[in-house]
Amino acid sequence: MRGLSALSAELDRKIAELSDEIRRYPTPIARCDEQLTGLIERRSALLAERERAAERATAPGCTPENIWNNDGGFNAA
């Protein structure tokens, strides 16, 4: 769990930095501005990664796929 909290803290820090950079982005913003779009896309990816990490932290035990792999999968006796 400790690694998960460190990951979450690091993601939160990066999200806060990007949000601050987006907030301070100079105006007016052109419709074709690729830099701002890139910042928003990076922040969206980090938010999705944080959500996936939170889901993994609350998931009970192994997933069915992991249980199948641990039971030998195709190589089971």
N, C-alpha and C. Protein backbone atom coordinates (compact mmCIF):
# COMPACT_ATOMS: atom_id res chain seq x y z
N MET A 1 0.81 -1.20 0.00
CA MET A 1 0.00 0.00 0.00
C MET A 1 0.85 1.27 0.00
N ARG A 2 2.04 1.15 0.59
CA ARG A 2 2.88 2.34 0.67
C ARG A 2 3.26 2.85 -0.71
N GLY A 3 3.57 1.92 -1.63
CA GLY A 3 3.90 2.31 -2.99
C GLY A 3 2.74 2.98 -3.69
N LEU A 4 1.53 2.51 -3.38
CA LEU A 4 0.34 3.10 -3.98
C LEU A 4 0.12 4.53 -3.50
N SER A 5 0.36 4.78 -2.22
CA SER A 5 0.18 6.14 -1.70
C SER A 5 1.26 7.06 -2.27
N ALA A 6 2.47 6.54 -2.49
CA ALA A 6 3.53 7.34 -3.10
C ALA A 6 3.17 7.66 -4.55
N LEU A 7 2.64 6.67 -5.25
CA LEU A 7 2.21 6.89 -6.63
C LEU A 7 1.10 7.92 -6.67
N SER A 8 0.13 7.79 -5.79
CA SER A 8 -0.98 8.73 -5.74
C SER A 8 -0.49 10.15 -5.45
N ALA A 9 0.44 10.27 -4.51
CA ALA A 9 0.98 11.59 -4.17
C ALA A 9 1.72 12.20 -5.36
N GLU A 10 2.49 11.37 -6.07
CA GLU A 10 3.22 11.86 -7.23
C GLU A 10 2.26 12.28 -8.35
N LEU A 11 1.22 11.48 -8.58
CA LEU A 11 0.21 11.85 -9.59
C LEU A 11 -0.49 13.13 -9.19
N ASP A 12 -0.85 13.27 -7.93
CA ASP A 12 -1.51 14.49 -7.46
C ASP A 12 -0.62 15.71 -7.67
N ARG A 13 0.68 15.54 -7.40
CA ARG A 13 1.62 16.65 -7.57
C ARG A 13 1.70 17.06 -9.05
N LYS A 14 1.81 16.08 -9.94
CA LYS A 14 1.89 16.38 -11.37
C LYS A 14 0.59 17.01 -11.88
N ILE A 15 -0.54 16.51 -11.41
CA ILE A 15 -1.83 17.06 -11.82
C ILE A 15 -1.95 18.51 -11.36
N ALA A 16 -1.52 18.79 -10.13
CA ALA A 16 -1.57 20.16 -9.60
C ALA A 16 -0.67 21.08 -10.42
N GLU A 17 0.53 20.61 -10.79
CA GLU A 17 1.43 21.42 -11.61
C GLU A 17 0.81 21.74 -12.97
N LEU A 18 0.26 20.72 -13.61
CA LEU A 18 -0.36 20.95 -14.92
C LEU A 18 -1.58 21.85 -14.81
N SER A 19 -2.38 21.66 -13.78
CA SER A 19 -3.57 22.51 -13.58
C SER A 19 -3.15 23.96 -13.39
N ASP A 20 -2.09 24.18 -12.63
CA ASP A 20 -1.60 25.53 -12.41
C ASP A 20 -1.08 26.13 -13.71
N GLU A 21 -0.37 25.33 -14.49
CA GLU A 21 0.14 25.81 -15.78
C GLU A 21 -1.01 26.16 -16.73
N ILE A 22 -2.04 25.33 -16.72
CA ILE A 22 -3.21 25.61 -17.57
C ILE A 22 -3.91 26.88 -17.09
N ARG A 23 -4.04 27.02 -15.78
CA ARG A 23 -4.69 28.20 -15.20
C ARG A 23 -3.96 29.48 -15.57
N ARG A 24 -2.61 29.42 -15.63
CA ARG A 24 -1.81 30.61 -15.93
C ARG A 24 -1.52 30.78 -17.42
N TYR A 25 -2.09 29.94 -18.25
CA TYR A 25 -1.82 30.00 -19.68
C TYR A 25 -2.24 31.35 -20.22
N PRO A 26 -1.37 31.98 -21.02
CA PRO A 26 -1.68 33.34 -21.51
C PRO A 26 -2.89 33.36 -22.44
N THR A 27 -3.64 34.40 -22.30
CA THR A 27 -4.80 34.61 -23.17
C THR A 27 -4.49 35.73 -24.14
N PRO A 28 -5.19 35.89 -25.21
CA PRO A 28 -6.25 35.04 -25.73
C PRO A 28 -5.67 33.73 -26.28
N ILE A 29 -6.49 32.71 -26.27
CA ILE A 29 -6.08 31.39 -26.71
C ILE A 29 -6.66 31.13 -28.09
N ALA A 30 -5.77 30.84 -29.03
CA ALA A 30 -6.21 30.55 -30.40
C ALA A 30 -6.85 29.16 -30.45
N ARG A 31 -7.80 29.00 -31.32
CA ARG A 31 -8.48 27.72 -31.46
C ARG A 31 -7.51 26.60 -31.86
N CYS A 32 -6.47 26.95 -32.58
CA CYS A 32 -5.52 25.95 -33.06
C CYS A 32 -4.32 25.79 -32.12
N ASP A 33 -4.41 26.29 -30.91
CA ASP A 33 -3.30 26.23 -29.95
C ASP A 33 -3.01 24.79 -29.55
N GLU A 34 -1.89 24.25 -30.02
CA GLU A 34 -1.56 22.85 -29.74
C GLU A 34 -0.91 22.68 -28.37
N GLN A 35 -0.23 23.70 -27.88
CA GLN A 35 0.43 23.58 -26.58
C GLN A 35 -0.58 23.42 -25.44
N LEU A 36 -1.62 24.24 -25.45
CA LEU A 36 -2.65 24.14 -24.41
C LEU A 36 -3.38 22.80 -24.52
N THR A 37 -3.68 22.40 -25.74
CA THR A 37 -4.33 21.10 -25.95
C THR A 37 -3.47 19.98 -25.39
N GLY A 38 -2.17 20.05 -25.62
CA GLY A 38 -1.25 19.05 -25.10
C GLY A 38 -1.24 19.02 -23.58
N LEU A 39 -1.26 20.18 -22.94
CA LEU A 39 -1.30 20.24 -21.48
C LEU A 39 -2.57 19.60 -20.93
N ILE A 40 -3.69 19.91 -21.57
CA ILE A 40 -4.97 19.37 -21.12
C ILE A 40 -5.00 17.85 -21.32
N GLU A 41 -4.47 17.37 -22.43
CA GLU A 41 -4.43 15.93 -22.68
C GLU A 41 -3.54 15.21 -21.67
N ARG A 42 -2.38 15.80 -21.34
CA ARG A 42 -1.50 15.19 -20.33
C ARG A 42 -2.18 15.13 -18.98
N ARG A 43 -2.89 16.21 -18.61
CA ARG A 43 -3.59 16.22 -17.33
C ARG A 43 -4.70 15.18 -17.33
N SER A 44 -5.42 15.04 -18.43
CA SER A 44 -6.48 14.03 -18.52
C SER A 44 -5.92 12.62 -18.37
N ALA A 45 -4.76 12.38 -18.98
CA ALA A 45 -4.13 11.06 -18.87
C ALA A 45 -3.72 10.78 -17.42
N LEU A 46 -3.19 11.78 -16.74
CA LEU A 46 -2.80 11.61 -15.34
C LEU A 46 -4.02 11.38 -14.45
N LEU A 47 -5.10 12.09 -14.72
CA LEU A 47 -6.33 11.88 -13.95
C LEU A 47 -6.86 10.46 -14.14
N ALA A 48 -6.80 9.96 -15.37
CA ALA A 48 -7.24 8.59 -15.64
C ALA A 48 -6.33 7.58 -14.95
N GLU A 49 -5.04 7.85 -14.95
CA GLU A 49 -4.09 6.95 -14.28
C GLU A 49 -4.34 6.93 -12.77
N ARG A 50 -4.64 8.11 -12.21
CA ARG A 50 -4.94 8.18 -10.77
C ARG A 50 -6.20 7.40 -10.46
N GLU A 51 -7.18 7.47 -11.32
CA GLU A 51 -8.43 6.73 -11.13
C GLU A 51 -8.18 5.22 -11.19
N ARG A 52 -7.37 4.79 -12.16
CA ARG A 52 -7.04 3.36 -12.25
C ARG A 52 -6.28 2.88 -11.02
N ALA A 53 -5.37 3.70 -10.51
CA ALA A 53 -4.62 3.34 -9.31
C ALA A 53 -5.55 3.22 -8.11
N ALA A 54 -6.52 4.11 -8.02
CA ALA A 54 -7.49 4.05 -6.91
C ALA A 54 -8.34 2.80 -7.02
N GLU A 55 -8.72 2.43 -8.23
CA GLU A 55 -9.51 1.20 -8.42
C GLU A 55 -8.70 -0.03 -8.04
N ARG A 56 -7.41 -0.05 -8.40
CA ARG A 56 -6.56 -1.18 -8.03
C ARG A 56 -6.41 -1.28 -6.52
N ALA A 57 -6.36 -0.14 -5.86
CA ALA A 57 -6.17 -0.13 -4.41
C ALA A 57 -7.39 -0.68 -3.69
N THR A 58 -8.57 -0.50 -4.27
CA THR A 58 -9.79 -0.94 -3.60
C THR A 58 -10.31 -2.27 -4.12
N ALA A 59 -9.65 -2.81 -5.17
CA ALA A 59 -10.10 -4.08 -5.75
C ALA A 59 -9.84 -5.22 -4.76
N PRO A 60 -10.84 -6.05 -4.50
CA PRO A 60 -10.64 -7.15 -3.55
C PRO A 60 -9.88 -8.31 -4.19
N GLY A 61 -8.68 -8.58 -3.72
CA GLY A 61 -7.91 -9.74 -4.14
C GLY A 61 -7.54 -9.75 -5.60
N CYS A 62 -7.29 -10.91 -6.11
CA CYS A 62 -6.88 -11.09 -7.50
C CYS A 62 -8.07 -10.95 -8.44
N THR A 63 -7.76 -10.50 -9.64
CA THR A 63 -8.79 -10.47 -10.67
C THR A 63 -8.98 -11.89 -11.20
N PRO A 64 -10.11 -12.18 -11.84
CA PRO A 64 -10.30 -13.53 -12.39
C PRO A 64 -9.18 -13.95 -13.33
N GLU A 65 -8.65 -13.01 -14.11
CA GLU A 65 -7.56 -13.33 -15.02
C GLU A 65 -6.31 -13.75 -14.24
N ASN A 66 -5.99 -13.04 -13.17
CA ASN A 66 -4.82 -13.39 -12.37
C ASN A 66 -5.00 -14.73 -11.69
N ILE A 67 -6.19 -15.02 -11.21
CA ILE A 67 -6.44 -16.31 -10.58
C ILE A 67 -6.23 -17.41 -11.61
N TRP A 68 -6.73 -17.22 -12.83
CA TRP A 68 -6.58 -18.20 -13.89
C TRP A 68 -5.10 -18.42 -14.18
N ASN A 69 -4.33 -17.33 -14.27
CA ASN A 69 -2.88 -17.45 -14.52
C ASN A 69 -2.19 -18.18 -13.38
N ASN A 70 -2.57 -17.88 -12.15
CA ASN A 70 -1.95 -18.52 -11.00
C ASN A 70 -2.31 -20.01 -10.91
N ASP A 71 -3.42 -20.40 -11.49
CA ASP A 71 -3.83 -21.80 -11.49
C ASP A 71 -3.17 -22.59 -12.61
N GLY A 72 -2.36 -21.95 -13.40
CA GLY A 72 -1.64 -22.66 -14.45
C GLY A 72 -2.11 -22.34 -15.85
N GLY A 73 -3.29 -21.74 -15.98
CA GLY A 73 -3.78 -21.41 -17.30
C GLY A 73 -3.80 -22.60 -18.23
N PHE A 74 -3.27 -22.46 -19.43
CA PHE A 74 -3.24 -23.55 -20.40
C PHE A 74 -2.27 -24.65 -19.99
N ASN A 75 -1.33 -24.33 -19.11
CA ASN A 75 -0.31 -25.29 -18.73
C ASN A 75 -0.66 -26.08 -17.47
N ALA A 76 -1.90 -26.01 -17.04
CA ALA A 76 -2.32 -26.73 -15.82
C ALA A 76 -2.22 -28.23 -16.06
N ALA A 77 -1.90 -28.92 -15.00
CA ALA A 77 -1.75 -30.38 -15.11
C ALA A 77 -3.08 -31.06 -15.19
